[in-house]
Protein backbone atom coordinates (compact mmCIF):
# COMPACT_ATOMS: atom_id res chain seq x y z
CA MET A 1 9.17 -84.11 -10.43
CA ALA A 2 9.78 -81.33 -7.89
CA ALA A 3 13.54 -82.01 -8.03
CA ALA A 4 13.51 -81.69 -11.82
CA LEU A 5 11.64 -78.40 -11.55
CA ARG A 6 14.09 -77.04 -9.00
CA SER A 7 17.00 -77.69 -11.38
CA ASN A 8 15.26 -75.95 -14.31
CA PRO A 9 16.97 -72.56 -14.95
CA PHE A 10 13.58 -70.83 -15.16
CA PHE A 11 12.65 -71.96 -11.65
CA VAL A 12 16.14 -71.36 -10.27
CA ASN A 13 15.95 -67.76 -11.52
CA LEU A 14 12.42 -67.43 -10.18
CA SER A 15 13.48 -68.78 -6.78
CA GLN A 16 16.32 -66.27 -6.64
CA ASN A 17 13.83 -63.51 -7.48
CA VAL A 18 11.61 -64.69 -4.62
CA GLU A 19 14.57 -64.41 -2.27
CA LYS A 20 15.23 -60.89 -3.53
CA LYS A 21 11.52 -60.11 -2.94
CA ILE A 22 10.96 -59.37 -6.63
CA VAL A 23 8.28 -62.08 -6.68
CA THR A 24 5.92 -62.73 -3.81
CA PRO A 25 6.75 -65.91 -1.88
CA HIS A 26 3.11 -66.71 -1.02
CA HIS A 27 2.45 -67.72 -4.65
CA ASN A 28 4.90 -70.58 -4.86
CA ILE A 29 5.37 -71.17 -8.57
CA LEU A 30 7.14 -74.46 -7.80
CA GLU A 31 3.77 -75.82 -6.68
CA ALA A 32 2.29 -75.39 -10.16
CA THR A 33 1.71 -78.85 -11.59
CA ARG A 34 -0.13 -78.43 -14.87
CA PRO A 35 2.00 -78.26 -18.03
CA ASP A 36 -0.13 -75.43 -19.49
CA ILE A 37 0.44 -73.30 -16.37
CA LEU A 38 4.16 -74.07 -16.33
CA GLU A 39 4.45 -73.10 -20.00
CA ALA A 40 2.68 -69.79 -19.41
CA LEU A 41 4.96 -69.05 -16.45
CA LYS A 42 8.06 -69.89 -18.51
CA ARG A 43 6.95 -67.50 -21.23
CA LEU A 44 6.31 -64.81 -18.64
CA GLU A 45 9.78 -65.31 -17.16
CA ALA A 46 11.34 -64.87 -20.62
CA ILE A 47 9.31 -61.67 -21.09
CA SER A 48 10.45 -60.32 -17.71
CA VAL A 49 14.04 -59.86 -18.88
CA LEU A 50 13.22 -57.82 -22.00
CA GLN A 51 14.78 -54.36 -22.12
CA LYS A 52 13.46 -51.04 -23.40
CA ASP A 53 13.08 -51.06 -27.21
CA TRP A 54 12.56 -54.85 -27.19
CA ASP A 55 10.35 -54.45 -30.26
CA SER A 56 12.72 -52.04 -32.08
CA TYR A 57 9.93 -49.42 -32.02
CA GLY A 58 10.73 -47.93 -28.60
CA GLY A 59 8.58 -50.33 -26.58
CA GLU A 60 8.91 -50.03 -22.82
CA ALA A 61 10.48 -52.89 -20.90
CA PRO A 62 7.81 -55.01 -19.23
CA ALA A 63 6.97 -53.31 -15.94
CA GLY A 64 7.74 -55.20 -12.76
CA ALA A 65 4.24 -54.58 -11.43
CA ALA A 66 2.66 -56.05 -14.59
CA ILE A 67 4.95 -59.11 -14.44
CA PHE A 68 4.10 -59.56 -10.76
CA ALA A 69 0.34 -59.28 -11.41
CA ALA A 70 0.56 -61.74 -14.33
CA ARG A 71 2.53 -64.28 -12.24
CA LYS A 72 0.01 -64.04 -9.44
CA PHE A 73 -2.90 -64.33 -11.86
CA ILE A 74 -1.45 -67.39 -13.61
CA ALA A 75 -0.59 -69.05 -10.27
CA ASP A 76 -4.18 -68.44 -9.17
CA LEU A 77 -5.44 -70.08 -12.37
CA ASP A 78 -3.55 -73.23 -11.36
CA ARG A 79 -4.86 -73.11 -7.80
CA ILE A 80 -8.52 -72.74 -8.83
CA GLN A 81 -8.27 -75.04 -11.87
CA LYS A 82 -9.00 -72.49 -14.60
CA ALA A 83 -7.68 -72.65 -18.15
CA ALA A 84 -4.19 -71.26 -18.68
CA PRO A 85 -3.62 -68.65 -21.37
CA PHE A 86 -2.39 -70.18 -24.61
CA PHE A 87 -0.47 -66.98 -25.43
CA VAL A 88 1.46 -64.56 -23.20
CA ALA A 89 3.27 -61.52 -24.64
CA PRO A 90 4.63 -58.12 -23.71
CA ILE A 91 2.86 -55.00 -24.96
CA PRO A 92 4.72 -51.81 -25.89
CA ASP A 93 3.45 -49.75 -22.94
CA GLY A 94 5.11 -52.11 -20.43
CA GLY A 95 2.03 -54.22 -19.78
CA ILE A 96 1.36 -57.90 -20.40
CA GLN A 97 -1.16 -59.51 -22.77
CA MET A 98 -2.65 -62.97 -22.30
CA GLU A 99 -5.03 -64.80 -24.62
CA TRP A 100 -7.48 -67.68 -24.30
CA GLN A 101 -9.46 -69.54 -26.95
CA GLY A 102 -12.43 -71.78 -26.44
CA ARG A 103 -15.51 -73.16 -28.11
CA ALA A 104 -17.37 -69.90 -27.64
CA GLY A 105 -14.68 -67.56 -28.97
CA ALA A 106 -11.55 -65.78 -27.78
CA LEU A 107 -10.47 -63.55 -24.94
CA GLU A 108 -7.57 -61.08 -24.98
CA VAL A 109 -6.57 -59.63 -21.61
CA GLU A 110 -4.13 -56.80 -21.03
CA ILE A 111 -2.60 -56.10 -17.64
CA ALA A 112 -1.68 -52.43 -17.20
CA PRO A 113 1.99 -51.58 -16.53
CA THR A 114 0.94 -50.61 -13.00
CA GLY A 115 -0.40 -54.15 -12.51
CA ASP A 116 -3.55 -52.86 -10.85
CA SER A 117 -6.08 -53.05 -13.67
CA PHE A 118 -7.08 -55.41 -16.44
CA ASN A 119 -8.67 -54.72 -19.82
CA PHE A 120 -10.27 -57.30 -22.05
CA LEU A 121 -11.55 -57.85 -25.55
CA ARG A 122 -13.91 -60.79 -25.83
CA ILE A 123 -14.82 -62.12 -29.26
CA ILE A 124 -17.84 -64.39 -29.39
CA GLY A 125 -18.44 -66.69 -32.32
CA LYS A 126 -16.08 -68.30 -34.77
CA ALA A 127 -17.77 -67.49 -38.08
CA THR A 128 -17.16 -64.00 -39.42
CA ALA A 129 -20.85 -63.34 -40.06
CA ASN A 130 -21.86 -64.21 -36.49
CA ARG A 131 -18.91 -62.68 -34.66
CA GLN A 132 -19.56 -60.18 -31.86
CA SER A 133 -17.13 -58.41 -29.58
CA GLU A 134 -17.18 -56.81 -26.17
CA GLU A 135 -14.46 -54.61 -24.66
CA LYS A 136 -14.08 -53.43 -21.04
CA HIS A 137 -11.40 -51.51 -19.18
CA GLY A 138 -10.22 -51.13 -15.59
CA LEU A 139 -11.44 -54.50 -14.34
CA SER A 140 -10.24 -56.58 -11.41
CA ALA A 141 -8.59 -59.98 -11.69
CA TYR A 142 -11.80 -61.55 -10.34
CA GLN A 143 -13.84 -60.03 -13.18
CA ILE A 144 -11.39 -61.47 -15.70
CA LEU A 145 -11.84 -64.97 -14.24
CA GLU A 146 -15.53 -64.77 -15.12
CA GLN A 147 -14.61 -63.88 -18.70
CA ILE A 148 -12.29 -66.89 -19.04
CA ASP A 149 -15.17 -69.16 -18.10
CA SER A 150 -17.49 -67.48 -20.57
CA VAL A 151 -15.12 -68.21 -23.46
CA ALA A 152 -13.94 -71.65 -22.42
CA HIS A 153 -17.27 -73.17 -21.37
CA GLU A 154 -20.07 -71.69 -23.47
């Protein structure tokens, strides 16, 4: 399987970026084995090449620091066996958004363009009448991991 991954254009491009020191080599994406993690990383790689005005409303190109932080975060999810985001998208300020859904509700996470802080919106409950939400800003990656568990396992 590793040979097939190494011939995939996504991973070839990623490997070249590692050599250029655009992506950190200590988070070897080629070691990711779960299909959900690989899919999230592929989506992130496609996002990484978007240019300014990608949304036709003047959106900033995804910031390198946000892409880097998202790659590291997703690679860590694989390493510690956490759920992968089902949705990964750019946001107009140059940051990255990731989303999870579980039995207990949904979690939307935004990585700042600087890559150094995370924001989340957690929605608890599926039925409209019982739905509650919680929003926090400026969190660490570790604090976000706790939120993933709270949505996926409650």
